[in-house]
Amino acid sequence: MSDYNKIIAFFDEYIAHYREFLQFEYLKLDMLNHNQIEQLSASLSKEQAFIMKTNSYETKRMKLLDGVKGSTFAEIAENAPEEFRDRLTGQHKELSEIVFRIKELNDAANITVTERLKKIERKTAELDVYDGRGTVKREHASRLVISKNV
């Protein structure tokens, strides 16, 4: 029989980590929405630290739950002794909501970045270039990139 008190304590810590990660994701999206590119770039090391810590927690989680009946957190909560079931079910619900929200924020950031890149592409799609005779000619940017005469 597993030590469900250790499992609960671990998931309290794990959820606290994800809450902190969620707050970081809100800040990152805010920086993106306010064109704070330098701050966003500087925050990459903090994001890497969150990812590394998440990977460490995942390793701990897998070791802790080795031999526990059930393969998912929901199944573990469902199969836990009655005195631990409500607490584990609540933890599962909270963790699922936080992870889902992080995914939503990442999706929103990806959409924002993609849209901004499309705007940049449209604005740079056609450029005025000068030929050797001083004549202005409109060229498509993708042709300019591969042209040896540019």
C-alpha atoms as a PDB file:
ATOM      1  CA  MET A   1       0.000   0.000   0.000  1.00  0.00           C
ATOM      2  CA  SER A   2       1.312   3.418  -0.956  1.00  0.00           C
ATOM      3  CA  ASP A   3       1.818   6.282   1.436  1.00  0.00           C
ATOM      4  CA  TYR A   4      -0.987   8.579   0.339  1.00  0.00           C
ATOM      5  CA  ASN A   5       0.165  11.328   2.717  1.00  0.00           C
ATOM      6  CA  LYS A   6       3.421  11.516   0.703  1.00  0.00           C
ATOM      7  CA  ILE A   7       1.434  11.578  -2.534  1.00  0.00           C
ATOM      8  CA  ILE A   8      -0.758  14.415  -1.262  1.00  0.00           C
ATOM      9  CA  ALA A   9       2.278  16.385  -0.021  1.00  0.00           C
ATOM     10  CA  PHE A  10       4.014  15.890  -3.361  1.00  0.00           C
ATOM     11  CA  PHE A  11       1.003  17.093  -5.335  1.00  0.00           C
ATOM     12  CA  ASP A  12       0.633  20.139  -3.059  1.00  0.00           C
ATOM     13  CA  GLU A  13       4.211  21.065  -4.014  1.00  0.00           C
ATOM     14  CA  TYR A  14       3.658  20.153  -7.667  1.00  0.00           C
ATOM     15  CA  ILE A  15       0.519  22.292  -7.887  1.00  0.00           C
ATOM     16  CA  ALA A  16       2.313  25.228  -6.223  1.00  0.00           C
ATOM     17  CA  HIS A  17       4.980  24.973  -8.932  1.00  0.00           C
ATOM     18  CA  TYR A  18       2.341  25.011 -11.669  1.00  0.00           C
ATOM     19  CA  ARG A  19       0.590  28.010 -10.065  1.00  0.00           C
ATOM     20  CA  GLU A  20       3.890  29.888 -10.229  1.00  0.00           C
ATOM     21  CA  PHE A  21       4.407  28.742 -13.827  1.00  0.00           C
ATOM     22  CA  LEU A  22       0.894  29.940 -14.698  1.00  0.00           C
ATOM     23  CA  GLN A  23       1.655  33.402 -13.279  1.00  0.00           C
ATOM     24  CA  PHE A  24       4.816  33.498 -15.378  1.00  0.00           C
ATOM     25  CA  GLU A  25       2.789  32.597 -18.484  1.00  0.00           C
ATOM     26  CA  TYR A  26       0.400  35.495 -17.780  1.00  0.00           C
ATOM     27  CA  LEU A  27       3.372  37.866 -17.515  1.00  0.00           C
ATOM     28  CA  LYS A  28       4.913  36.475 -20.699  1.00  0.00           C
ATOM     29  CA  LEU A  29       1.691  36.979 -22.664  1.00  0.00           C
ATOM     30  CA  ASP A  30       1.385  40.495 -21.266  1.00  0.00           C
ATOM     31  CA  MET A  31       4.943  41.298 -22.408  1.00  0.00           C
ATOM     32  CA  LEU A  32       4.108  39.951 -25.849  1.00  0.00           C
ATOM     33  CA  ASN A  33       0.879  41.944 -26.080  1.00  0.00           C
ATOM     34  CA  HIS A  34       2.700  45.138 -25.075  1.00  0.00           C
ATOM     35  CA  ASN A  35       5.602  44.585 -27.492  1.00  0.00           C
ATOM     36  CA  GLN A  36       8.101  44.316 -24.642  1.00  0.00           C
ATOM     37  CA  ILE A  37      10.454  42.236 -26.740  1.00  0.00           C
ATOM     38  CA  GLU A  38      13.588  42.894 -24.647  1.00  0.00           C
ATOM     39  CA  GLN A  39      11.836  41.830 -21.439  1.00  0.00           C
ATOM     40  CA  LEU A  40      10.342  38.837 -23.199  1.00  0.00           C
ATOM     41  CA  SER A  41      13.753  37.791 -24.450  1.00  0.00           C
ATOM     42  CA  ALA A  42      15.240  38.252 -20.974  1.00  0.00           C
ATOM     43  CA  SER A  43      12.517  36.040 -19.488  1.00  0.00           C
ATOM     44  CA  LEU A  44      13.576  33.030 -21.571  1.00  0.00           C
ATOM     45  CA  SER A  45      16.067  31.875 -18.923  1.00  0.00           C
ATOM     46  CA  LYS A  46      13.325  31.974 -16.301  1.00  0.00           C
ATOM     47  CA  GLU A  47      11.083  29.934 -18.588  1.00  0.00           C
ATOM     48  CA  GLN A  48      13.871  27.392 -19.090  1.00  0.00           C
ATOM     49  CA  ALA A  49      14.205  27.127 -15.300  1.00  0.00           C
ATOM     50  CA  PHE A  50      10.462  26.436 -15.002  1.00  0.00           C
ATOM     51  CA  ILE A  51      10.681  23.759 -17.677  1.00  0.00           C
ATOM     52  CA  MET A  52      13.668  22.102 -16.013  1.00  0.00           C
ATOM     53  CA  LYS A  53      11.918  22.148 -12.645  1.00  0.00           C
ATOM     54  CA  THR A  54       8.789  20.679 -14.252  1.00  0.00           C
ATOM     55  CA  ASN A  55      10.864  17.852 -15.723  1.00  0.00           C
ATOM     56  CA  SER A  56      12.370  17.207 -12.289  1.00  0.00           C
ATOM     57  CA  TYR A  57       8.901  17.048 -10.744  1.00  0.00           C
ATOM     58  CA  GLU A  58       7.798  14.633 -13.466  1.00  0.00           C
ATOM     59  CA  THR A  59      10.678  12.299 -12.620  1.00  0.00           C
ATOM     60  CA  LYS A  60       9.776  12.471  -8.916  1.00  0.00           C
ATOM     61  CA  ARG A  61       6.108  11.886  -9.718  1.00  0.00           C
ATOM     62  CA  MET A  62       6.858   8.778 -11.743  1.00  0.00           C
ATOM     63  CA  LYS A  63       9.031   7.330  -8.947  1.00  0.00           C
ATOM     64  CA  LEU A  64       6.492   8.189  -6.261  1.00  0.00           C
ATOM     65  CA  LEU A  65       3.579   6.656  -8.135  1.00  0.00           C
ATOM     66  CA  ASP A  66       5.413   3.510  -9.201  1.00  0.00           C
ATOM     67  CA  GLY A  67       3.312   0.650  -7.904  1.00  0.00           C
ATOM     68  CA  VAL A  68       0.267   2.787  -7.080  1.00  0.00           C
ATOM     69  CA  LYS A  69      -2.951   1.333  -8.445  1.00  0.00           C
ATOM     70  CA  GLY A  70      -4.031   3.310 -11.516  1.00  0.00           C
ATOM     71  CA  SER A  71      -2.057   4.843 -14.322  1.00  0.00           C
ATOM     72  CA  THR A  72      -3.495   8.368 -14.333  1.00  0.00           C
ATOM     73  CA  PHE A  73      -3.889  10.857 -11.527  1.00  0.00           C
ATOM     74  CA  ALA A  74      -7.679  10.575 -11.840  1.00  0.00           C
ATOM     75  CA  GLU A  75      -7.478   6.776 -11.492  1.00  0.00           C
ATOM     76  CA  ILE A  76      -5.118   7.057  -8.533  1.00  0.00           C
ATOM     77  CA  ALA A  77      -7.553   9.399  -6.795  1.00  0.00           C
ATOM     78  CA  GLU A  78     -10.463   7.115  -7.648  1.00  0.00           C
ATOM     79  CA  ASN A  79      -8.663   4.015  -6.329  1.00  0.00           C
ATOM     80  CA  ALA A  80      -7.281   5.667  -3.188  1.00  0.00           C
ATOM     81  CA  PRO A  81      -8.618   4.758   0.244  1.00  0.00           C
ATOM     82  CA  GLU A  82     -11.711   6.744   1.082  1.00  0.00           C
ATOM     83  CA  GLU A  83      -9.974   9.020   3.615  1.00  0.00           C
ATOM     84  CA  PHE A  84      -7.641  10.313   0.831  1.00  0.00           C
ATOM     85  CA  ARG A  85      -9.984  10.249  -2.142  1.00  0.00           C
ATOM     86  CA  ASP A  86     -11.574  13.709  -1.803  1.00  0.00           C
ATOM     87  CA  ARG A  87      -8.226  15.437  -1.266  1.00  0.00           C
ATOM     88  CA  LEU A  88      -6.625  13.692  -4.262  1.00  0.00           C
ATOM     89  CA  THR A  89      -9.671  14.351  -6.443  1.00  0.00           C
ATOM     90  CA  GLY A  90      -9.483  18.048  -5.552  1.00  0.00           C
ATOM     91  CA  GLN A  91      -5.779  18.141  -6.327  1.00  0.00           C
ATOM     92  CA  HIS A  92      -6.393  16.430  -9.667  1.00  0.00           C
ATOM     93  CA  LYS A  93      -9.071  18.952 -10.574  1.00  0.00           C
ATOM     94  CA  GLU A  94      -6.913  21.944  -9.619  1.00  0.00           C
ATOM     95  CA  LEU A  95      -3.837  20.644 -11.440  1.00  0.00           C
ATOM     96  CA  SER A  96      -5.877  19.875 -14.555  1.00  0.00           C
ATOM     97  CA  GLU A  97      -7.354  23.389 -14.571  1.00  0.00           C
ATOM     98  CA  ILE A  98      -3.934  25.027 -14.162  1.00  0.00           C
ATOM     99  CA  VAL A  99      -2.313  22.936 -16.898  1.00  0.00           C
ATOM    100  CA  PHE A 100      -5.264  23.628 -19.217  1.00  0.00           C
ATOM    101  CA  ARG A 101      -4.953  27.377 -18.557  1.00  0.00           C
ATOM    102  CA  ILE A 102      -1.196  27.288 -19.274  1.00  0.00           C
ATOM    103  CA  LYS A 103      -1.970  25.567 -22.577  1.00  0.00           C
ATOM    104  CA  GLU A 104      -4.565  28.240 -23.412  1.00  0.00           C
ATOM    105  CA  LEU A 105      -2.074  31.020 -22.688  1.00  0.00           C
ATOM    106  CA  ASN A 106       0.586  29.347 -24.826  1.00  0.00           C
ATOM    107  CA  ASP A 107      -1.901  28.936 -27.662  1.00  0.00           C
ATOM    108  CA  ALA A 108      -2.865  32.617 -27.390  1.00  0.00           C
ATOM    109  CA  ALA A 109       0.814  33.617 -27.479  1.00  0.00           C
ATOM    110  CA  ASN A 110       1.404  31.442 -30.542  1.00  0.00           C
ATOM    111  CA  ILE A 111      -1.560  33.024 -32.333  1.00  0.00           C
ATOM    112  CA  THR A 112      -0.312  36.521 -31.486  1.00  0.00           C
ATOM    113  CA  VAL A 113       3.197  35.757 -32.747  1.00  0.00           C
ATOM    114  CA  THR A 114       1.875  34.123 -35.919  1.00  0.00           C
ATOM    115  CA  GLU A 115      -0.372  37.100 -36.680  1.00  0.00           C
ATOM    116  CA  ARG A 116       2.462  39.557 -36.141  1.00  0.00           C
ATOM    117  CA  LEU A 117       4.742  37.561 -38.415  1.00  0.00           C
ATOM    118  CA  LYS A 118       2.041  37.582 -41.106  1.00  0.00           C
ATOM    119  CA  LYS A 119       1.797  41.386 -40.817  1.00  0.00           C
ATOM    120  CA  ILE A 120       5.556  41.685 -41.185  1.00  0.00           C
ATOM    121  CA  GLU A 121       5.475  39.403 -44.225  1.00  0.00           C
ATOM    122  CA  ARG A 122       2.728  41.469 -45.842  1.00  0.00           C
ATOM    123  CA  LYS A 123       4.568  44.722 -45.202  1.00  0.00           C
ATOM    124  CA  THR A 124       7.823  43.376 -46.578  1.00  0.00           C
ATOM    125  CA  ALA A 125       6.315  41.355 -49.422  1.00  0.00           C
ATOM    126  CA  GLU A 126       6.920  44.108 -51.937  1.00  0.00           C
ATOM    127  CA  LEU A 127       9.865  46.449 -51.832  1.00  0.00           C
ATOM    128  CA  ASP A 128      11.090  49.268 -54.026  1.00  0.00           C
ATOM    129  CA  VAL A 129      14.458  48.432 -55.520  1.00  0.00           C
ATOM    130  CA  TYR A 130      16.695  50.333 -57.864  1.00  0.00           C
ATOM    131  CA  ASP A 131      18.174  48.837 -60.968  1.00  0.00           C
ATOM    132  CA  GLY A 132      21.587  49.815 -62.300  1.00  0.00           C
ATOM    133  CA  ARG A 133      20.072  52.733 -64.258  1.00  0.00           C
ATOM    134  CA  GLY A 134      18.479  54.395 -61.203  1.00  0.00           C
ATOM    135  CA  THR A 135      14.972  53.271 -62.054  1.00  0.00           C
ATOM    136  CA  VAL A 136      12.675  52.293 -59.206  1.00  0.00           C
ATOM    137  CA  LYS A 137      11.140  48.893 -59.638  1.00  0.00           C
ATOM    138  CA  ARG A 138       8.719  47.046 -57.325  1.00  0.00           C
ATOM    139  CA  GLU A 139       9.958  43.556 -56.481  1.00  0.00           C
ATOM    140  CA  HIS A 140       8.499  40.756 -54.405  1.00  0.00           C
ATOM    141  CA  ALA A 141      10.626  40.230 -51.294  1.00  0.00           C
ATOM    142  CA  SER A 142      10.967  36.469 -51.744  1.00  0.00           C
ATOM    143  CA  ARG A 143      12.484  37.053 -55.202  1.00  0.00           C
ATOM    144  CA  LEU A 144      14.888  39.578 -53.701  1.00  0.00           C
ATOM    145  CA  VAL A 145      16.123  37.073 -51.177  1.00  0.00           C
ATOM    146  CA  ILE A 146      17.211  34.626 -53.842  1.00  0.00           C
ATOM    147  CA  SER A 147      18.334  37.220 -56.395  1.00  0.00           C
ATOM    148  CA  LYS A 148      22.089  37.645 -56.804  1.00  0.00           C
ATOM    149  CA  ASN A 149      21.607  41.218 -58.051  1.00  0.00           C
ATOM    150  CA  VAL A 150      20.315  42.613 -54.766  1.00  0.00           C
END
